[in-house]
Amino acid sequence: MNEQDLRRQLLDHLTTNGSVRSPQWRQAVAVTGRHEFLRGGFFRQVPGSVPTAWEPVMPGDEGWLSGCYTDTSLVTQIAGTIVPGDIRGQVFRQPTSSSNAPGLVVRMLEDLEVEDGMRVLEIGTGTGYSTALLCHRLGDDLVTSIEVDPAVAVAAATTLATLGHAPDLITGDGLAGHKDSAPYDRIIATCGVLAIPP
């Protein structure tokens, strides 16, 4: 199956299961290729491995493109610094960054209840996929996204720029916010947080 067919199949799945509920987000998903944000590869869990082992899946490998269009979270970084291109074989450390499942991403965006003209702060840019969806829906100038990991931030910024998006991208601690672009109409956290900051 080619990329367009896989994207259409994922969109149909997200619509059928109720993740995509509005025409604006349906259009955003329809025109935003998730594979573009996974060109650095992802890690696949090795079945039956104890402790859990991860192996890289790179562009051109069997299962890479189809994996990009599954409704699953895909691990993109392990142990804080290891990316798929760094590994030949398997790695046994803990995942530290991922591309969230598209269904989860879109449900969160739908639940955000944005309207045209609203300014959004996204905490946790990650690969930039959800940032691109926000940019398509609202326009680049209304989206600010913060990523704590400098390497992850650079990769996301590069992909977003390649696709023609230029949101306000900040490298830093999302818990501190970003007052220069405030006030915000909506805030969304796509990373793990222990408490909701004021």
N, C-alpha and C. Protein backbone atom coordinates (compact mmCIF):
# COMPACT_ATOMS: atom_id res chain seq x y z
N MET A 1 0.84 -1.18 0.00
CA MET A 1 0.00 0.00 0.00
C MET A 1 0.89 1.25 0.00
N ASN A 2 0.53 2.26 -0.77
CA ASN A 2 1.34 3.48 -0.80
C ASN A 2 0.93 4.42 0.34
N GLU A 3 1.69 5.51 0.51
CA GLU A 3 1.49 6.43 1.62
C GLU A 3 0.10 7.04 1.61
N GLN A 4 -0.40 7.45 0.44
CA GLN A 4 -1.73 8.08 0.38
C GLN A 4 -2.82 7.11 0.80
N ASP A 5 -2.71 5.86 0.37
CA ASP A 5 -3.70 4.86 0.76
C ASP A 5 -3.64 4.58 2.26
N LEU A 6 -2.42 4.50 2.80
CA LEU A 6 -2.27 4.27 4.23
C LEU A 6 -2.82 5.43 5.05
N ARG A 7 -2.57 6.65 4.58
CA ARG A 7 -3.09 7.83 5.28
C ARG A 7 -4.62 7.85 5.24
N ARG A 8 -5.18 7.54 4.09
CA ARG A 8 -6.65 7.50 3.96
C ARG A 8 -7.24 6.41 4.86
N GLN A 9 -6.57 5.26 4.92
CA GLN A 9 -7.04 4.17 5.76
C GLN A 9 -7.01 4.57 7.23
N LEU A 10 -5.93 5.25 7.66
CA LEU A 10 -5.84 5.72 9.04
C LEU A 10 -6.94 6.74 9.33
N LEU A 11 -7.15 7.67 8.41
CA LEU A 11 -8.19 8.68 8.61
C LEU A 11 -9.57 8.04 8.72
N ASP A 12 -9.85 7.06 7.88
CA ASP A 12 -11.13 6.35 7.96
C ASP A 12 -11.28 5.67 9.33
N HIS A 13 -10.19 5.05 9.80
CA HIS A 13 -10.21 4.39 11.11
C HIS A 13 -10.48 5.41 12.23
N LEU A 14 -9.80 6.56 12.17
CA LEU A 14 -9.97 7.58 13.21
C LEU A 14 -11.36 8.19 13.18
N THR A 15 -11.96 8.25 12.00
CA THR A 15 -13.33 8.77 11.89
C THR A 15 -14.32 7.75 12.42
N THR A 16 -14.13 6.50 12.05
CA THR A 16 -15.04 5.43 12.48
C THR A 16 -15.01 5.25 13.99
N ASN A 17 -13.82 5.33 14.61
CA ASN A 17 -13.75 5.09 16.05
C ASN A 17 -14.07 6.35 16.87
N GLY A 18 -14.39 7.46 16.20
CA GLY A 18 -14.82 8.66 16.89
C GLY A 18 -13.70 9.60 17.32
N SER A 19 -12.46 9.30 16.95
CA SER A 19 -11.36 10.21 17.30
C SER A 19 -11.49 11.52 16.54
N VAL A 20 -11.75 11.43 15.24
CA VAL A 20 -11.98 12.62 14.42
C VAL A 20 -13.47 12.88 14.37
N ARG A 21 -13.88 14.08 14.84
CA ARG A 21 -15.31 14.37 14.91
C ARG A 21 -15.70 15.60 14.11
N SER A 22 -14.74 16.42 13.71
CA SER A 22 -15.09 17.66 13.02
C SER A 22 -14.38 17.72 11.67
N PRO A 23 -14.98 18.44 10.72
CA PRO A 23 -14.37 18.53 9.39
C PRO A 23 -13.01 19.24 9.41
N GLN A 24 -12.81 20.18 10.34
CA GLN A 24 -11.54 20.90 10.40
C GLN A 24 -10.38 19.97 10.77
N TRP A 25 -10.59 19.12 11.77
CA TRP A 25 -9.53 18.18 12.16
C TRP A 25 -9.41 17.05 11.15
N ARG A 26 -10.51 16.67 10.53
CA ARG A 26 -10.43 15.64 9.48
C ARG A 26 -9.54 16.14 8.34
N GLN A 27 -9.70 17.39 7.95
CA GLN A 27 -8.88 17.97 6.88
C GLN A 27 -7.41 18.04 7.31
N ALA A 28 -7.17 18.44 8.56
CA ALA A 28 -5.79 18.53 9.05
C ALA A 28 -5.09 17.18 8.99
N VAL A 29 -5.78 16.13 9.41
CA VAL A 29 -5.20 14.78 9.36
C VAL A 29 -5.01 14.34 7.90
N ALA A 30 -5.96 14.69 7.05
CA ALA A 30 -5.91 14.27 5.64
C ALA A 30 -4.69 14.82 4.92
N VAL A 31 -4.23 16.02 5.29
CA VAL A 31 -3.12 16.65 4.55
C VAL A 31 -1.77 16.57 5.28
N THR A 32 -1.75 15.99 6.47
CA THR A 32 -0.51 15.94 7.26
C THR A 32 0.03 14.51 7.30
N GLY A 33 1.13 14.28 6.62
CA GLY A 33 1.73 12.95 6.57
C GLY A 33 2.50 12.63 7.84
N ARG A 34 2.04 11.65 8.60
CA ARG A 34 2.75 11.28 9.84
C ARG A 34 4.15 10.76 9.54
N HIS A 35 4.34 10.10 8.41
CA HIS A 35 5.65 9.52 8.09
C HIS A 35 6.73 10.59 8.00
N GLU A 36 6.35 11.82 7.64
CA GLU A 36 7.33 12.90 7.54
C GLU A 36 8.01 13.16 8.88
N PHE A 37 7.29 12.91 9.97
CA PHE A 37 7.81 13.17 11.31
C PHE A 37 8.54 11.95 11.88
N LEU A 38 8.60 10.89 11.10
CA LEU A 38 9.25 9.66 11.56
C LEU A 38 10.36 9.23 10.61
N ARG A 39 10.90 10.18 9.85
CA ARG A 39 11.98 9.85 8.91
C ARG A 39 13.27 9.45 9.62
N GLY A 40 13.37 9.76 10.90
CA GLY A 40 14.51 9.29 11.69
C GLY A 40 14.31 7.89 12.22
N GLY A 41 13.19 7.27 11.84
CA GLY A 41 12.89 5.91 12.27
C GLY A 41 12.13 5.88 13.59
N PHE A 42 11.80 4.67 14.01
CA PHE A 42 11.19 4.45 15.32
C PHE A 42 11.66 3.10 15.84
N PHE A 43 11.39 2.84 17.10
CA PHE A 43 11.75 1.57 17.71
C PHE A 43 10.52 0.67 17.81
N ARG A 44 10.73 -0.61 17.50
CA ARG A 44 9.67 -1.62 17.62
C ARG A 44 10.07 -2.56 18.76
N GLN A 45 9.09 -2.87 19.61
CA GLN A 45 9.35 -3.79 20.71
C GLN A 45 9.58 -5.19 20.14
N VAL A 46 10.60 -5.86 20.64
CA VAL A 46 10.90 -7.23 20.21
C VAL A 46 9.95 -8.17 20.94
N PRO A 47 9.10 -8.89 20.21
CA PRO A 47 8.11 -9.77 20.86
C PRO A 47 8.77 -10.80 21.78
N GLY A 48 8.21 -10.94 22.98
CA GLY A 48 8.68 -11.96 23.92
C GLY A 48 9.98 -11.63 24.64
N SER A 49 10.54 -10.47 24.43
CA SER A 49 11.82 -10.14 25.06
C SER A 49 11.63 -9.79 26.54
N VAL A 50 12.51 -10.37 27.39
CA VAL A 50 12.51 -10.08 28.82
C VAL A 50 13.96 -9.95 29.26
N PRO A 51 14.42 -8.76 29.70
CA PRO A 51 13.65 -7.52 29.75
C PRO A 51 13.29 -7.04 28.35
N THR A 52 12.44 -6.02 28.29
CA THR A 52 11.96 -5.52 27.01
C THR A 52 13.11 -5.03 26.14
N ALA A 53 13.17 -5.56 24.94
CA ALA A 53 14.17 -5.13 23.95
C ALA A 53 13.48 -4.34 22.86
N TRP A 54 14.22 -3.39 22.29
CA TRP A 54 13.71 -2.55 21.21
C TRP A 54 14.66 -2.63 20.04
N GLU A 55 14.11 -2.67 18.83
CA GLU A 55 14.94 -2.68 17.62
C GLU A 55 14.50 -1.54 16.70
N PRO A 56 15.46 -0.96 15.98
CA PRO A 56 15.11 0.17 15.13
C PRO A 56 14.39 -0.26 13.85
N VAL A 57 13.48 0.60 13.41
CA VAL A 57 12.82 0.44 12.12
C VAL A 57 13.05 1.75 11.37
N MET A 58 13.81 1.67 10.29
CA MET A 58 14.23 2.86 9.56
C MET A 58 13.49 2.96 8.22
N PRO A 59 13.42 4.18 7.65
CA PRO A 59 12.82 4.32 6.32
C PRO A 59 13.47 3.33 5.36
N GLY A 60 12.63 2.66 4.60
CA GLY A 60 13.11 1.64 3.68
C GLY A 60 13.04 0.24 4.25
N ASP A 61 13.00 0.12 5.59
CA ASP A 61 12.86 -1.20 6.21
C ASP A 61 11.43 -1.69 6.04
N GLU A 62 11.28 -2.99 6.01
CA GLU A 62 9.94 -3.57 5.94
C GLU A 62 9.14 -3.15 7.18
N GLY A 63 7.96 -2.65 6.96
CA GLY A 63 7.09 -2.26 8.06
C GLY A 63 7.23 -0.82 8.51
N TRP A 64 8.22 -0.08 7.95
CA TRP A 64 8.37 1.32 8.40
C TRP A 64 7.17 2.17 7.99
N LEU A 65 6.85 2.22 6.69
CA LEU A 65 5.78 3.09 6.22
C LEU A 65 4.44 2.66 6.79
N SER A 66 4.14 1.38 6.77
CA SER A 66 2.86 0.92 7.32
C SER A 66 2.81 1.19 8.82
N GLY A 67 3.96 1.07 9.52
CA GLY A 67 4.01 1.37 10.95
C GLY A 67 3.70 2.82 11.25
N CYS A 68 4.14 3.72 10.36
CA CYS A 68 3.88 5.14 10.54
C CYS A 68 2.38 5.45 10.54
N TYR A 69 1.60 4.62 9.88
CA TYR A 69 0.17 4.88 9.73
C TYR A 69 -0.70 3.93 10.55
N THR A 70 -0.11 3.34 11.60
CA THR A 70 -0.92 2.60 12.56
C THR A 70 -1.37 3.57 13.65
N ASP A 71 -2.46 3.25 14.29
CA ASP A 71 -2.96 4.09 15.38
C ASP A 71 -2.32 3.65 16.69
N THR A 72 -0.99 3.71 16.71
CA THR A 72 -0.23 3.33 17.90
C THR A 72 0.85 4.37 18.16
N SER A 73 1.26 4.45 19.41
CA SER A 73 2.40 5.30 19.75
C SER A 73 3.68 4.60 19.31
N LEU A 74 4.61 5.36 18.75
CA LEU A 74 5.86 4.80 18.25
C LEU A 74 7.02 5.45 19.00
N VAL A 75 7.85 4.62 19.61
CA VAL A 75 8.99 5.11 20.38
C VAL A 75 10.03 5.68 19.43
N THR A 76 10.47 6.91 19.72
CA THR A 76 11.45 7.58 18.85
C THR A 76 12.77 7.86 19.55
N GLN A 77 12.82 7.66 20.86
CA GLN A 77 14.06 7.90 21.61
C GLN A 77 14.07 6.98 22.82
N ILE A 78 15.26 6.49 23.15
CA ILE A 78 15.45 5.61 24.30
C ILE A 78 16.58 6.16 25.16
N ALA A 79 16.40 6.07 26.47
CA ALA A 79 17.43 6.46 27.45
C ALA A 79 17.86 7.92 27.31
N GLY A 80 16.98 8.77 26.81
CA GLY A 80 17.25 10.19 26.77
C GLY A 80 18.08 10.69 25.62
N THR A 81 18.78 9.80 24.92
CA THR A 81 19.65 10.25 23.82
C THR A 81 19.69 9.31 22.63
N ILE A 82 19.29 8.06 22.79
CA ILE A 82 19.45 7.05 21.74
C ILE A 82 18.28 7.13 20.76
N VAL A 83 18.60 7.35 19.48
CA VAL A 83 17.58 7.38 18.43
C VAL A 83 17.79 6.16 17.53
N PRO A 84 16.78 5.81 16.74
CA PRO A 84 16.86 4.59 15.94
C PRO A 84 18.12 4.47 15.08
N GLY A 85 18.60 5.57 14.51
CA GLY A 85 19.77 5.53 13.66
C GLY A 85 21.06 5.20 14.39
N ASP A 86 21.02 5.24 15.74
CA ASP A 86 22.21 4.95 16.54
C ASP A 86 22.43 3.46 16.77
N ILE A 87 21.42 2.65 16.50
CA ILE A 87 21.43 1.25 16.93
C ILE A 87 21.45 0.28 15.75
N ARG A 88 22.26 -0.73 15.88
CA ARG A 88 22.22 -1.91 15.00
C ARG A 88 21.95 -3.08 15.93
N GLY A 89 20.83 -3.73 15.78
CA GLY A 89 20.48 -4.81 16.70
C GLY A 89 19.41 -4.35 17.67
N GLN A 90 19.64 -4.61 18.97
CA GLN A 90 18.63 -4.33 19.97
C GLN A 90 19.19 -3.49 21.10
N VAL A 91 18.29 -2.80 21.78
CA VAL A 91 18.64 -2.00 22.95
C VAL A 91 17.65 -2.35 24.05
N PHE A 92 18.13 -2.33 25.32
CA PHE A 92 17.32 -2.79 26.44
C PHE A 92 17.02 -1.68 27.45
N ARG A 93 17.05 -0.44 27.04
CA ARG A 93 16.82 0.68 27.94
C ARG A 93 15.36 1.15 27.85
N GLN A 94 15.01 2.15 28.67
CA GLN A 94 13.63 2.65 28.73
C GLN A 94 13.36 3.73 27.68
N PRO A 95 12.19 3.69 27.04
CA PRO A 95 11.80 4.76 26.10
C PRO A 95 11.67 6.11 26.81
N THR A 96 12.07 7.19 26.11
CA THR A 96 11.98 8.53 26.69
C THR A 96 11.24 9.53 25.80
N SER A 97 10.95 9.15 24.56
CA SER A 97 10.18 10.04 23.69
C SER A 97 9.47 9.19 22.65
N SER A 98 8.31 9.66 22.22
CA SER A 98 7.55 8.89 21.24
C SER A 98 6.67 9.80 20.40
N SER A 99 6.21 9.24 19.30
CA SER A 99 5.17 9.87 18.50
C SER A 99 3.86 9.26 18.98
N ASN A 100 3.04 10.07 19.65
CA ASN A 100 1.80 9.55 20.23
C ASN A 100 0.87 9.00 19.16
N ALA A 101 0.05 8.04 19.58
CA ALA A 101 -0.93 7.44 18.68
C ALA A 101 -1.81 8.52 18.05
N PRO A 102 -1.98 8.51 16.73
CA PRO A 102 -2.79 9.55 16.08
C PRO A 102 -4.19 9.69 16.67
N GLY A 103 -4.81 8.57 17.05
CA GLY A 103 -6.14 8.66 17.65
C GLY A 103 -6.14 9.46 18.93
N LEU A 104 -5.14 9.25 19.77
CA LEU A 104 -5.02 10.01 21.01
C LEU A 104 -4.76 11.49 20.71
N VAL A 105 -3.86 11.75 19.77
CA VAL A 105 -3.54 13.13 19.39
C VAL A 105 -4.79 13.87 18.94
N VAL A 106 -5.55 13.27 18.05
CA VAL A 106 -6.72 13.96 17.49
C VAL A 106 -7.83 14.09 18.52
N ARG A 107 -8.02 13.08 19.38
CA ARG A 107 -9.04 13.21 20.44
C ARG A 107 -8.70 14.37 21.36
N MET A 108 -7.41 14.51 21.70
CA MET A 108 -7.00 15.64 22.55
C MET A 108 -7.25 16.97 21.85
N LEU A 109 -6.95 17.02 20.56
CA LEU A 109 -7.17 18.27 19.81
C LEU A 109 -8.65 18.58 19.67
N GLU A 110 -9.46 17.56 19.43
CA GLU A 110 -10.92 17.77 19.37
C GLU A 110 -11.43 18.28 20.72
N ASP A 111 -10.94 17.67 21.82
CA ASP A 111 -11.40 18.06 23.15
C ASP A 111 -10.92 19.45 23.55
N LEU A 112 -9.90 19.95 22.86
CA LEU A 112 -9.39 21.30 23.13
C LEU A 112 -10.43 22.37 22.76
N GLU A 113 -11.34 22.03 21.86
CA GLU A 113 -12.44 22.92 21.45
C GLU A 113 -11.92 24.28 20.98
N VAL A 114 -10.93 24.23 20.09
CA VAL A 114 -10.43 25.49 19.54
C VAL A 114 -11.41 26.04 18.51
N GLU A 115 -11.36 27.33 18.34
CA GLU A 115 -12.12 28.02 17.31
C GLU A 115 -11.16 28.89 16.52
N ASP A 116 -11.57 29.28 15.33
CA ASP A 116 -10.73 30.15 14.50
C ASP A 116 -10.27 31.36 15.30
N GLY A 117 -8.99 31.72 15.15
CA GLY A 117 -8.46 32.90 15.81
C GLY A 117 -7.92 32.67 17.20
N MET A 118 -8.09 31.46 17.75
CA MET A 118 -7.59 31.19 19.09
C MET A 118 -6.09 30.93 19.08
N ARG A 119 -5.42 31.38 20.14
CA ARG A 119 -3.99 31.18 20.32
C ARG A 119 -3.78 29.98 21.24
N VAL A 120 -2.90 29.03 20.82
CA VAL A 120 -2.69 27.79 21.56
C VAL A 120 -1.23 27.65 21.97
N LEU A 121 -1.02 27.22 23.22
CA LEU A 121 0.29 26.82 23.72
C LEU A 121 0.30 25.30 23.84
N GLU A 122 1.24 24.68 23.13
CA GLU A 122 1.42 23.22 23.20
C GLU A 122 2.68 22.94 24.01
N ILE A 123 2.54 22.15 25.05
CA ILE A 123 3.69 21.76 25.87
C ILE A 123 4.08 20.35 25.47
N GLY A 124 5.24 20.23 24.84
CA GLY A 124 5.73 18.93 24.37
C GLY A 124 5.60 18.81 22.86
N THR A 125 6.52 19.42 22.13
CA THR A 125 6.47 19.37 20.66
C THR A 125 6.66 17.97 20.14
N GLY A 126 7.57 17.22 20.76
CA GLY A 126 7.86 15.86 20.30
C GLY A 126 8.31 15.86 18.85
N THR A 127 7.76 14.97 18.06
CA THR A 127 8.14 14.90 16.65
C THR A 127 7.64 16.09 15.85
N GLY A 128 6.59 16.76 16.35
CA GLY A 128 6.01 17.90 15.65
C GLY A 128 4.72 17.57 14.91
N TYR A 129 4.28 16.32 14.95
CA TYR A 129 3.06 15.92 14.22
C TYR A 129 1.84 16.69 14.73
N SER A 130 1.64 16.70 16.05
CA SER A 130 0.48 17.42 16.59
C SER A 130 0.61 18.93 16.36
N THR A 131 1.84 19.43 16.38
CA THR A 131 2.08 20.85 16.09
C THR A 131 1.64 21.18 14.68
N ALA A 132 1.97 20.29 13.73
CA ALA A 132 1.57 20.51 12.34
C ALA A 132 0.05 20.50 12.20
N LEU A 133 -0.62 19.61 12.92
CA LEU A 133 -2.09 19.58 12.87
C LEU A 133 -2.66 20.90 13.39
N LEU A 134 -2.10 21.39 14.50
CA LEU A 134 -2.54 22.68 15.04
C LEU A 134 -2.30 23.81 14.04
N CYS A 135 -1.12 23.81 13.40
CA CYS A 135 -0.81 24.85 12.42
C CYS A 135 -1.79 24.83 11.25
N HIS A 136 -2.12 23.63 10.80
CA HIS A 136 -3.07 23.53 9.69
C HIS A 136 -4.44 24.08 10.11
N ARG A 137 -4.84 23.76 11.32
CA ARG A 137 -6.18 24.15 11.79
C ARG A 137 -6.27 25.65 12.10
N LEU A 138 -5.22 26.22 12.73
CA LEU A 138 -5.31 27.59 13.23
C LEU A 138 -4.46 28.60 12.47
N GLY A 139 -3.39 28.13 11.84
CA GLY A 139 -2.41 29.02 11.24
C GLY A 139 -1.18 29.09 12.13
N ASP A 140 -0.02 29.15 11.50
CA ASP A 140 1.25 29.09 12.24
C ASP A 140 1.37 30.17 13.30
N ASP A 141 0.90 31.37 13.01
CA ASP A 141 1.11 32.49 13.92
C ASP A 141 0.32 32.37 15.22
N LEU A 142 -0.60 31.43 15.31
CA LEU A 142 -1.40 31.25 16.53
C LEU A 142 -0.94 30.05 17.36
N VAL A 143 0.17 29.40 16.94
CA VAL A 143 0.63 28.19 17.62
C VAL A 143 2.02 28.43 18.20
N THR A 144 2.14 28.18 19.51
CA THR A 144 3.43 28.18 20.20
C THR A 144 3.62 26.80 20.79
N SER A 145 4.79 26.21 20.56
CA SER A 145 5.05 24.86 21.06
C SER A 145 6.41 24.84 21.75
N ILE A 146 6.45 24.18 22.92
CA ILE A 146 7.67 24.11 23.73
C ILE A 146 8.13 22.67 23.84
N GLU A 147 9.42 22.44 23.63
CA GLU A 147 10.03 21.11 23.76
C GLU A 147 11.25 21.22 24.65
N VAL A 148 11.37 20.37 25.66
CA VAL A 148 12.46 20.43 26.62
C VAL A 148 13.76 19.85 26.08
N ASP A 149 13.67 18.87 25.18
CA ASP A 149 14.87 18.19 24.67
C ASP A 149 15.38 18.92 23.43
N PRO A 150 16.58 19.50 23.48
CA PRO A 150 17.07 20.28 22.34
C PRO A 150 17.16 19.48 21.03
N ALA A 151 17.60 18.23 21.09
CA ALA A 151 17.73 17.42 19.87
C ALA A 151 16.36 17.13 19.27
N VAL A 152 15.40 16.82 20.11
CA VAL A 152 14.03 16.56 19.65
C VAL A 152 13.44 17.84 19.06
N ALA A 153 13.71 18.98 19.71
CA ALA A 153 13.19 20.27 19.23
C ALA A 153 13.73 20.60 17.84
N VAL A 154 15.03 20.38 17.63
CA VAL A 154 15.64 20.68 16.33
C VAL A 154 15.04 19.80 15.24
N ALA A 155 14.88 18.50 15.53
CA ALA A 155 14.31 17.59 14.53
C ALA A 155 12.89 18.00 14.16
N ALA A 156 12.08 18.36 15.16
CA ALA A 156 10.70 18.78 14.90
C ALA A 156 10.69 20.07 14.08
N ALA A 157 11.52 21.03 14.46
CA ALA A 157 11.57 22.31 13.74
C ALA A 157 11.96 22.11 12.28
N THR A 158 12.91 21.22 12.04
CA THR A 158 13.36 20.94 10.68
C THR A 158 12.23 20.35 9.85
N THR A 159 11.52 19.37 10.40
CA THR A 159 10.42 18.73 9.67
C THR A 159 9.30 19.73 9.42
N LEU A 160 8.93 20.49 10.44
CA LEU A 160 7.86 21.48 10.27
C LEU A 160 8.22 22.49 9.19
N ALA A 161 9.46 22.96 9.19
CA ALA A 161 9.89 23.93 8.17
C ALA A 161 9.86 23.30 6.78
N THR A 162 10.27 22.05 6.68
CA THR A 162 10.25 21.35 5.40
C THR A 162 8.83 21.28 4.84
N LEU A 163 7.86 21.17 5.74
CA LEU A 163 6.45 21.08 5.32
C LEU A 163 5.80 22.45 5.20
N GLY A 164 6.58 23.51 5.41
CA GLY A 164 6.06 24.87 5.23
C GLY A 164 5.42 25.49 6.44
N HIS A 165 5.63 24.90 7.63
CA HIS A 165 5.04 25.45 8.86
C HIS A 165 6.10 26.22 9.64
N ALA A 166 5.69 27.35 10.21
CA ALA A 166 6.61 28.19 10.98
C ALA A 166 5.93 28.68 12.26
N PRO A 167 5.54 27.75 13.17
CA PRO A 167 4.98 28.19 14.44
C PRO A 167 6.09 28.76 15.32
N ASP A 168 5.72 29.31 16.46
CA ASP A 168 6.70 29.79 17.43
C ASP A 168 7.18 28.58 18.21
N LEU A 169 8.41 28.12 17.94
CA LEU A 169 8.96 26.93 18.58
C LEU A 169 9.99 27.34 19.62
N ILE A 170 9.79 26.86 20.84
CA ILE A 170 10.63 27.22 21.97
C ILE A 170 11.30 25.96 22.51
N THR A 171 12.59 26.04 22.78
CA THR A 171 13.28 24.95 23.47
C THR A 171 13.40 25.36 24.93
N GLY A 172 12.75 24.60 25.81
CA GLY A 172 12.77 24.94 27.22
C GLY A 172 11.78 24.11 28.00
N ASP A 173 11.56 24.47 29.24
CA ASP A 173 10.68 23.77 30.15
C ASP A 173 9.25 24.27 29.96
N GLY A 174 8.40 23.41 29.46
CA GLY A 174 7.02 23.80 29.22
C GLY A 174 6.27 24.21 30.47
N LEU A 175 6.71 23.71 31.64
CA LEU A 175 6.04 24.10 32.89
C LEU A 175 6.22 25.58 33.18
N ALA A 176 7.23 26.19 32.58
CA ALA A 176 7.46 27.63 32.77
C ALA A 176 6.62 28.46 31.81
N GLY A 177 5.99 27.80 30.84
CA GLY A 177 5.20 28.52 29.86
C GLY A 177 6.07 29.35 28.94
N HIS A 178 5.44 30.29 28.23
CA HIS A 178 6.18 31.20 27.35
C HIS A 178 5.37 32.50 27.28
N LYS A 179 5.70 33.43 28.16
CA LYS A 179 4.90 34.64 28.30
C LYS A 179 4.94 35.55 27.08
N ASP A 180 6.01 35.43 26.25
CA ASP A 180 6.14 36.33 25.11
C ASP A 180 4.99 36.19 24.11
N SER A 181 4.39 35.00 24.04
CA SER A 181 3.28 34.80 23.10
C SER A 181 1.93 34.79 23.80
N ALA A 182 1.93 34.99 25.11
CA ALA A 182 0.68 34.99 25.88
C ALA A 182 -0.12 36.26 25.59
N PRO A 183 -1.41 36.29 25.91
CA PRO A 183 -2.17 35.22 26.55
C PRO A 183 -2.61 34.15 25.56
N TYR A 184 -2.89 32.96 26.09
CA TYR A 184 -3.34 31.84 25.27
C TYR A 184 -4.81 31.56 25.54
N ASP A 185 -5.50 31.15 24.50
CA ASP A 185 -6.89 30.75 24.66
C ASP A 185 -7.00 29.29 25.10
N ARG A 186 -6.01 28.50 24.72
CA ARG A 186 -5.99 27.08 25.07
C ARG A 186 -4.55 26.66 25.33
N ILE A 187 -4.39 25.69 26.25
CA ILE A 187 -3.09 25.07 26.53
C ILE A 187 -3.30 23.57 26.45
N ILE A 188 -2.39 22.88 25.75
CA ILE A 188 -2.46 21.43 25.65
C ILE A 188 -1.09 20.86 25.99
N ALA A 189 -1.07 19.82 26.83
CA ALA A 189 0.18 19.16 27.20
C ALA A 189 0.21 17.78 26.55
N THR A 190 1.19 17.57 25.70
CA THR A 190 1.33 16.30 25.02
C THR A 190 2.52 15.52 25.58
N CYS A 191 2.93 15.90 26.80
CA CYS A 191 4.01 15.21 27.51
C CYS A 191 3.48 14.83 28.89
N GLY A 192 4.23 14.01 29.58
CA GLY A 192 3.83 13.63 30.92
C GLY A 192 4.11 14.76 31.91
N VAL A 193 3.16 15.05 32.78
CA VAL A 193 3.36 16.03 33.84
C VAL A 193 2.90 15.43 35.16
N LEU A 194 3.56 15.82 36.25
CA LEU A 194 3.20 15.30 37.57
C LEU A 194 2.12 16.14 38.23
N ALA A 195 2.06 17.42 37.87
CA ALA A 195 1.05 18.32 38.44
C ALA A 195 0.71 19.39 37.40
N ILE A 196 -0.48 19.94 37.51
CA ILE A 196 -0.88 21.01 36.60
C ILE A 196 -0.37 22.33 37.17
N PRO A 197 0.50 23.02 36.41
CA PRO A 197 1.05 24.28 36.93
C PRO A 197 0.01 25.39 36.90
N PRO A 198 0.23 26.44 37.72
CA PRO A 198 -0.74 27.55 37.74
C PRO A 198 -0.84 28.24 36.40
